[in-house]
Amino acid sequence: MNETRRMILSALSSAPVSGPTLAERADISRAAVWKQIEALRSDGFAIESTSDGYVITEVPEYGSSGAIEYGLSAPYTVEYHDTLASTNKRGRELAGEGESDVVVVAGEQTGGRGRLGREFHSPVGGVWMTIVLRPDRPPAHAPLYTLAAAVAVVDAARALGVDAAIKWPNDVLVPETAGKTERGGHKLCGILTEMEGEADRVSWLIVGIGINAAIDATSLPAAATSLQSEISKPINRGDVARTVLTSFHEHSTDLDTVLDAWCERSATIGMEVRVETSTGVIEGTAVDVVSPGALVVETDTGRETVHSGDCEHLRPASR
């Protein structure tokens, strides 16, 4: 959404505003104001012209840049597509063009990928988005952005009443209390962070977030779930996206808050775990996560710090 359209939306969010007033505030002609109003109507906003000025009477839930940006407090520009092969692929393109603070959102992905190149099921009804950043940070800090994204997704899920938690390193789950799954719960979200940088700083970083939101769980893989299925109510995907982006912005701009926030929302800490790493398998009790996102496992032979791997929850640690 361009800056003029964003300003008009902001102006109309609290009270009717006349065309001449909007033209003066935006420093454009009244004809240009009308064109912007028509563009917003095309995006799904119901805008009436009254004696007091233009009035927004209905806001679209999803399906356009404006629908997601409307009411968003985080300083991101949204680029919406009905269909994309991959929001991360588009995010890499934008990053290569020098863009920053842009969120690519797709109604569906046809070629989504997760960690280790695994296929990521991304049908209509999910929240599939990638945040493009250019943080002034060393590359070693990049994993903290993944943790911040997981925290943000949990915040959005819990705001709806879904008891979500984070499984190290990058999955958001609804924990399984009846022991029906082997890996810790039903998957609600996956996160994939990519970056390009030099030795001392990040050139660009993208954080891909895929949330099963308004999807019937019967159409998902057996080990997955959705927000809609967990609460048996319709899901407003726009609200979900805005909550995630607001929480992510809060933590990603103050990385000192991330580790504590992650641990508070963790399903892994306190679990007996089995972690497959590039050098072997580590089993023991997950006791902590330390900067920049490494899992600390208490084993029979001492503590191991694991920086990357595939983690399986076995059982709660005995007390």
Protein backbone atom coordinates (compact mmCIF):
# COMPACT_ATOMS: atom_id res chain seq x y z
CA MET A 1 0.00 0.00 0.00
CA ASN A 2 1.37 3.44 -0.86
CA GLU A 3 1.88 6.16 1.73
CA THR A 4 -1.00 8.31 0.48
CA ARG A 5 -3.49 5.45 0.76
CA ARG A 6 -2.15 4.56 4.20
CA MET A 7 -2.58 8.17 5.35
CA ILE A 8 -6.17 8.26 4.09
CA LEU A 9 -6.99 5.03 5.90
CA SER A 10 -5.47 6.40 9.10
CA ALA A 11 -7.44 9.63 8.78
CA LEU A 12 -10.73 7.77 8.26
CA SER A 13 -10.16 5.34 11.11
CA SER A 14 -11.63 7.59 13.79
CA ALA A 15 -14.11 9.97 12.13
CA PRO A 16 -15.56 11.12 8.79
CA VAL A 17 -13.20 13.31 6.74
CA SER A 18 -14.14 15.39 3.72
CA GLY A 19 -12.47 15.10 0.34
CA PRO A 20 -10.98 18.63 0.49
CA THR A 21 -9.53 17.94 3.95
CA LEU A 22 -7.95 14.69 2.76
CA ALA A 23 -6.56 16.46 -0.31
CA GLU A 24 -5.00 19.14 1.87
CA ARG A 25 -3.49 16.65 4.34
CA ALA A 26 -2.04 14.47 1.58
CA ASP A 27 -1.07 17.42 -0.65
CA ILE A 28 -2.89 15.94 -3.64
CA SER A 29 -5.86 16.95 -5.77
CA ARG A 30 -9.46 16.03 -4.92
CA ALA A 31 -9.47 13.84 -8.03
CA ALA A 32 -6.46 11.99 -6.69
CA VAL A 33 -8.26 11.51 -3.37
CA TRP A 34 -11.20 9.97 -5.24
CA LYS A 35 -8.84 7.58 -7.04
CA GLN A 36 -7.32 6.50 -3.73
CA ILE A 37 -10.79 5.96 -2.24
CA GLU A 38 -11.73 3.82 -5.24
CA ALA A 39 -8.54 1.80 -4.82
CA LEU A 40 -9.41 1.16 -1.18
CA ARG A 41 -12.89 0.06 -2.22
CA SER A 42 -11.27 -2.35 -4.66
CA ASP A 43 -9.26 -3.72 -1.72
CA GLY A 44 -12.51 -4.55 0.05
CA PHE A 45 -13.14 -1.47 2.20
CA ALA A 46 -16.73 -0.22 2.22
CA ILE A 47 -16.43 3.58 2.16
CA GLU A 48 -19.49 5.81 1.98
CA SER A 49 -19.63 9.47 1.02
CA THR A 50 -21.78 11.37 3.52
CA SER A 51 -22.51 15.02 4.23
CA ASP A 52 -19.74 14.93 6.84
CA GLY A 53 -17.22 13.32 4.51
CA TYR A 54 -15.97 9.85 3.69
CA VAL A 55 -16.78 7.14 6.24
CA ILE A 56 -15.45 3.59 6.48
CA THR A 57 -18.44 1.33 7.14
CA GLU A 58 -16.84 -2.08 6.66
CA VAL A 59 -13.28 -3.37 6.89
CA PRO A 60 -12.18 -6.47 4.97
CA GLU A 61 -10.86 -9.32 7.09
CA TYR A 62 -8.09 -10.39 4.75
CA GLY A 63 -7.15 -10.62 1.10
CA SER A 64 -5.38 -7.31 0.44
CA SER A 65 -2.48 -5.21 1.69
CA GLY A 66 -4.84 -2.64 3.16
CA ALA A 67 -6.89 -5.23 5.02
CA ILE A 68 -3.81 -6.33 6.95
CA GLU A 69 -2.23 -2.89 7.38
CA TYR A 70 -5.44 -1.35 8.72
CA GLY A 71 -5.02 -1.19 12.50
CA LEU A 72 -1.44 -2.49 12.38
CA SER A 73 0.74 -0.69 14.92
CA ALA A 74 4.05 -2.19 13.75
CA PRO A 75 5.82 -0.08 11.09
CA TYR A 76 5.63 -2.58 8.24
CA THR A 77 4.41 -2.24 4.67
CA VAL A 78 2.39 -5.24 3.45
CA GLU A 79 2.64 -6.73 -0.04
CA TYR A 80 -0.28 -9.12 -0.56
CA HIS A 81 -0.65 -11.84 -3.22
CA ASP A 82 -3.57 -14.22 -3.64
CA THR A 83 -1.12 -16.96 -4.68
CA LEU A 84 2.66 -17.26 -4.52
CA ALA A 85 5.04 -20.13 -4.90
CA SER A 86 6.79 -18.99 -1.72
CA THR A 87 6.67 -15.83 0.38
CA ASN A 88 10.31 -16.44 1.34
CA LYS A 89 11.29 -16.51 -2.33
CA ARG A 90 9.55 -13.19 -2.89
CA GLY A 91 11.12 -11.88 0.33
CA ARG A 92 14.59 -12.75 -0.99
CA GLU A 93 13.82 -10.84 -4.18
CA LEU A 94 12.74 -7.75 -2.24
CA ALA A 95 15.76 -7.99 0.04
CA GLY A 96 18.02 -8.14 -3.01
CA GLU A 97 16.38 -4.96 -4.27
CA GLY A 98 17.23 -3.18 -1.02
CA GLU A 99 13.77 -3.28 0.55
CA SER A 100 13.23 -3.49 4.31
CA ASP A 101 10.35 -3.58 6.79
CA VAL A 102 8.13 -5.22 4.18
CA VAL A 103 5.85 -8.17 4.91
CA VAL A 104 5.01 -10.46 2.00
CA VAL A 105 1.67 -12.21 2.54
CA ALA A 106 0.09 -14.88 0.37
CA GLY A 107 -3.42 -16.28 0.41
CA GLU A 108 -1.83 -19.63 -0.45
CA GLN A 109 1.62 -20.95 -1.28
CA THR A 110 2.12 -23.51 -4.02
CA GLY A 111 5.77 -24.28 -3.25
CA GLY A 112 6.29 -23.58 0.43
CA ARG A 113 9.33 -25.14 2.09
CA GLY A 114 10.33 -25.63 5.72
CA ARG A 115 13.58 -26.56 7.41
CA LEU A 116 15.88 -28.93 5.51
CA GLY A 117 13.88 -28.34 2.33
CA ARG A 118 10.81 -30.16 3.60
CA GLU A 119 7.52 -29.46 1.86
CA PHE A 120 5.34 -27.04 3.82
CA HIS A 121 1.60 -27.48 3.20
CA SER A 122 0.18 -23.97 2.64
CA PRO A 123 -3.49 -24.02 1.52
CA VAL A 124 -6.01 -21.20 1.43
CA GLY A 125 -7.01 -20.26 4.98
CA GLY A 126 -3.57 -20.04 6.52
CA VAL A 127 -1.48 -17.01 7.39
CA TRP A 128 1.59 -17.34 5.16
CA MET A 129 3.97 -14.40 5.44
CA THR A 130 7.61 -13.35 5.31
CA ILE A 131 9.09 -10.34 7.08
CA VAL A 132 11.98 -8.60 5.27
CA LEU A 133 14.47 -6.85 7.58
CA ARG A 134 17.87 -5.22 7.44
CA PRO A 135 18.90 -5.30 11.11
CA ASP A 136 22.12 -3.66 12.24
CA ARG A 137 23.28 -6.86 13.91
CA PRO A 138 26.05 -9.44 13.48
CA PRO A 139 25.05 -12.69 11.73
CA ALA A 140 25.42 -14.60 15.02
CA HIS A 141 22.28 -12.85 16.29
CA ALA A 142 20.08 -14.10 13.43
CA PRO A 143 18.62 -17.08 15.38
CA LEU A 144 17.11 -14.65 17.89
CA TYR A 145 14.75 -13.41 15.19
CA THR A 146 13.47 -16.95 14.73
CA LEU A 147 12.83 -17.17 18.46
CA ALA A 148 11.07 -13.79 18.40
CA ALA A 149 8.80 -15.03 15.62
CA ALA A 150 7.88 -18.13 17.62
CA VAL A 151 7.05 -15.98 20.65
CA ALA A 152 4.86 -13.77 18.46
CA VAL A 153 2.89 -16.71 17.07
CA VAL A 154 2.28 -18.10 20.56
CA ASP A 155 1.04 -14.67 21.64
CA ALA A 156 -1.43 -14.60 18.74
CA ALA A 157 -2.63 -18.15 19.46
CA ARG A 158 -3.07 -17.55 23.18
CA ALA A 159 -4.97 -14.33 22.48
CA LEU A 160 -7.56 -16.59 20.83
CA GLY A 161 -7.57 -19.08 23.70
CA VAL A 162 -5.33 -21.68 22.04
CA ASP A 163 -2.81 -23.13 24.50
CA ALA A 164 0.15 -23.04 22.13
CA ALA A 165 3.81 -23.47 23.05
CA ILE A 166 7.18 -23.61 21.30
CA LYS A 167 9.14 -26.74 20.47
CA TRP A 168 12.83 -26.06 19.90
CA PRO A 169 14.04 -24.79 17.56
CA ASN A 170 11.25 -23.31 15.45
CA ASP A 171 7.90 -25.09 15.72
CA VAL A 172 4.80 -23.79 17.46
CA LEU A 173 2.64 -26.63 18.75
CA VAL A 174 -0.54 -27.28 20.62
CA PRO A 175 0.91 -29.73 23.17
CA GLU A 176 -0.63 -33.22 23.18
CA THR A 177 -1.67 -34.15 26.69
CA ALA A 178 -3.08 -37.57 25.83
CA GLY A 179 0.15 -38.90 24.37
CA LYS A 180 -1.26 -39.45 20.89
CA THR A 181 1.72 -37.95 19.08
CA GLU A 182 5.36 -38.79 19.49
CA ARG A 183 6.98 -35.45 18.77
CA GLY A 184 5.41 -33.22 21.40
CA GLY A 185 2.09 -32.09 20.01
CA HIS A 186 0.19 -31.02 16.93
CA LYS A 187 2.01 -28.53 14.74
CA LEU A 188 0.36 -25.13 14.40
CA CYS A 189 3.12 -23.12 12.76
CA GLY A 190 6.51 -23.41 11.12
CA ILE A 191 9.18 -20.71 10.91
CA LEU A 192 12.07 -20.45 8.48
CA THR A 193 14.69 -17.68 8.73
CA GLU A 194 17.16 -16.94 5.96
CA MET A 195 19.87 -14.29 5.75
CA GLU A 196 22.75 -12.88 3.78
CA GLY A 197 25.58 -11.08 5.50
CA GLU A 198 29.22 -10.30 5.93
CA ALA A 199 31.49 -11.29 8.79
CA ASP A 200 30.37 -8.49 11.09
CA ARG A 201 26.85 -7.58 10.02
CA VAL A 202 23.65 -8.84 8.44
CA SER A 203 22.96 -7.52 4.94
CA TRP A 204 19.37 -8.72 5.00
CA LEU A 205 17.27 -11.18 6.93
CA ILE A 206 13.89 -12.71 6.14
CA VAL A 207 11.62 -14.50 8.60
CA GLY A 208 9.04 -16.80 7.05
CA ILE A 209 6.04 -17.62 9.25
CA GLY A 210 3.37 -20.12 8.26
CA ILE A 211 0.34 -20.48 10.55
CA ASN A 212 -2.52 -22.94 10.14
CA ALA A 213 -5.26 -20.46 10.92
CA ALA A 214 -8.71 -20.79 9.33
CA ILE A 215 -8.16 -24.32 8.02
CA ASP A 216 -10.07 -27.50 8.81
CA ALA A 217 -7.57 -29.81 10.49
CA THR A 218 -8.90 -32.76 8.48
CA SER A 219 -7.26 -31.22 5.41
CA LEU A 220 -3.87 -30.97 7.14
CA PRO A 221 -1.22 -33.63 7.76
CA ALA A 222 -2.04 -35.93 10.68
CA ALA A 223 0.43 -34.30 13.08
CA ALA A 224 -0.86 -30.77 12.40
CA THR A 225 -3.68 -28.66 13.77
CA SER A 226 -5.15 -25.21 13.18
CA LEU A 227 -6.36 -22.30 15.26
CA GLN A 228 -9.88 -22.78 13.92
CA SER A 229 -9.95 -26.46 14.83
CA GLU A 230 -8.65 -25.81 18.34
CA ILE A 231 -11.34 -23.31 19.28
CA SER A 232 -14.13 -24.40 16.87
CA LYS A 233 -14.80 -20.77 15.93
CA PRO A 234 -14.19 -18.67 12.82
CA ILE A 235 -10.73 -17.10 12.73
CA ASN A 236 -10.06 -13.52 11.64
CA ARG A 237 -6.75 -13.95 9.82
CA GLY A 238 -6.17 -10.20 9.72
CA ASP A 239 -6.24 -10.05 13.52
CA VAL A 240 -3.86 -13.02 13.71
CA ALA A 241 -1.39 -11.42 11.31
CA ARG A 242 -1.48 -8.06 13.09
CA THR A 243 -0.96 -9.62 16.52
CA VAL A 244 2.01 -11.63 15.24
CA LEU A 245 3.60 -8.62 13.54
CA THR A 246 3.09 -6.36 16.56
CA SER A 247 4.61 -8.86 19.00
CA PHE A 248 7.46 -9.70 16.61
CA HIS A 249 8.32 -6.02 16.18
CA GLU A 250 8.32 -5.51 19.95
CA HIS A 251 10.78 -8.34 20.59
CA SER A 252 12.91 -8.03 17.46
CA THR A 253 13.68 -4.40 18.24
CA ASP A 254 14.69 -5.34 21.80
CA LEU A 255 16.49 -8.68 21.45
CA ASP A 256 17.37 -8.71 25.15
CA THR A 257 13.75 -9.72 25.83
CA VAL A 258 13.68 -12.68 23.47
CA LEU A 259 15.26 -15.52 25.45
CA ASP A 260 13.16 -14.99 28.57
CA ALA A 261 10.00 -14.64 26.48
CA TRP A 262 10.84 -17.82 24.56
CA CYS A 263 11.51 -19.85 27.71
CA GLU A 264 8.22 -18.68 29.25
CA ARG A 265 6.39 -20.07 26.21
CA SER A 266 8.48 -23.20 25.75
CA ALA A 267 7.12 -26.75 25.49
CA THR A 268 10.67 -28.13 25.34
CA ILE A 269 12.21 -26.93 28.60
CA GLY A 270 11.72 -29.65 31.22
CA MET A 271 11.17 -32.42 28.67
CA GLU A 272 13.22 -35.51 28.03
CA VAL A 273 14.38 -34.96 24.46
CA ARG A 274 16.20 -36.70 21.65
CA VAL A 275 18.07 -34.31 19.34
CA GLU A 276 19.50 -35.45 16.04
CA THR A 277 22.49 -33.28 15.12
CA SER A 278 24.96 -33.37 12.24
CA THR A 279 27.44 -35.15 14.53
CA GLY A 280 25.15 -37.59 16.30
CA VAL A 281 22.23 -38.00 18.67
CA ILE A 282 21.95 -36.30 22.06
CA GLU A 283 19.46 -37.50 24.66
CA GLY A 284 18.67 -35.98 28.02
CA THR A 285 16.61 -33.29 29.73
CA ALA A 286 16.18 -29.90 28.05
CA VAL A 287 17.04 -27.41 30.78
CA ASP A 288 17.58 -24.06 29.08
CA VAL A 289 17.93 -22.05 25.89
CA VAL A 290 20.90 -19.69 25.67
CA SER A 291 21.93 -17.02 23.18
CA PRO A 292 21.53 -17.03 20.29
CA GLY A 293 18.99 -19.85 20.57
CA ALA A 294 21.01 -22.93 21.51
CA LEU A 295 19.33 -25.72 23.50
CA VAL A 296 21.05 -26.87 26.69
CA VAL A 297 20.52 -30.60 27.37
CA GLU A 298 21.45 -32.32 30.63
CA THR A 299 22.75 -35.77 29.67
CA ASP A 300 24.12 -38.66 31.69
CA THR A 301 27.62 -37.36 31.01
CA GLY A 302 27.05 -33.66 31.54
CA ARG A 303 25.50 -30.68 29.81
CA GLU A 304 25.53 -30.36 26.03
CA THR A 305 24.78 -27.13 24.16
CA VAL A 306 23.07 -27.83 20.85
CA HIS A 307 23.04 -25.08 18.23
CA SER A 308 21.06 -26.91 15.55
CA GLY A 309 19.24 -30.18 15.17
CA ASP A 310 15.93 -31.98 14.95
CA CYS A 311 14.33 -32.25 18.38
CA GLU A 312 11.88 -34.92 19.52
CA HIS A 313 10.01 -34.70 22.82
CA LEU A 314 10.04 -38.04 24.63
CA ARG A 315 8.30 -37.40 27.95
CA PRO A 316 8.25 -34.88 30.80
CA ALA A 317 11.42 -35.06 32.85
CA SER A 318 11.03 -36.88 36.14
CA ARG A 319 11.19 -34.58 39.13
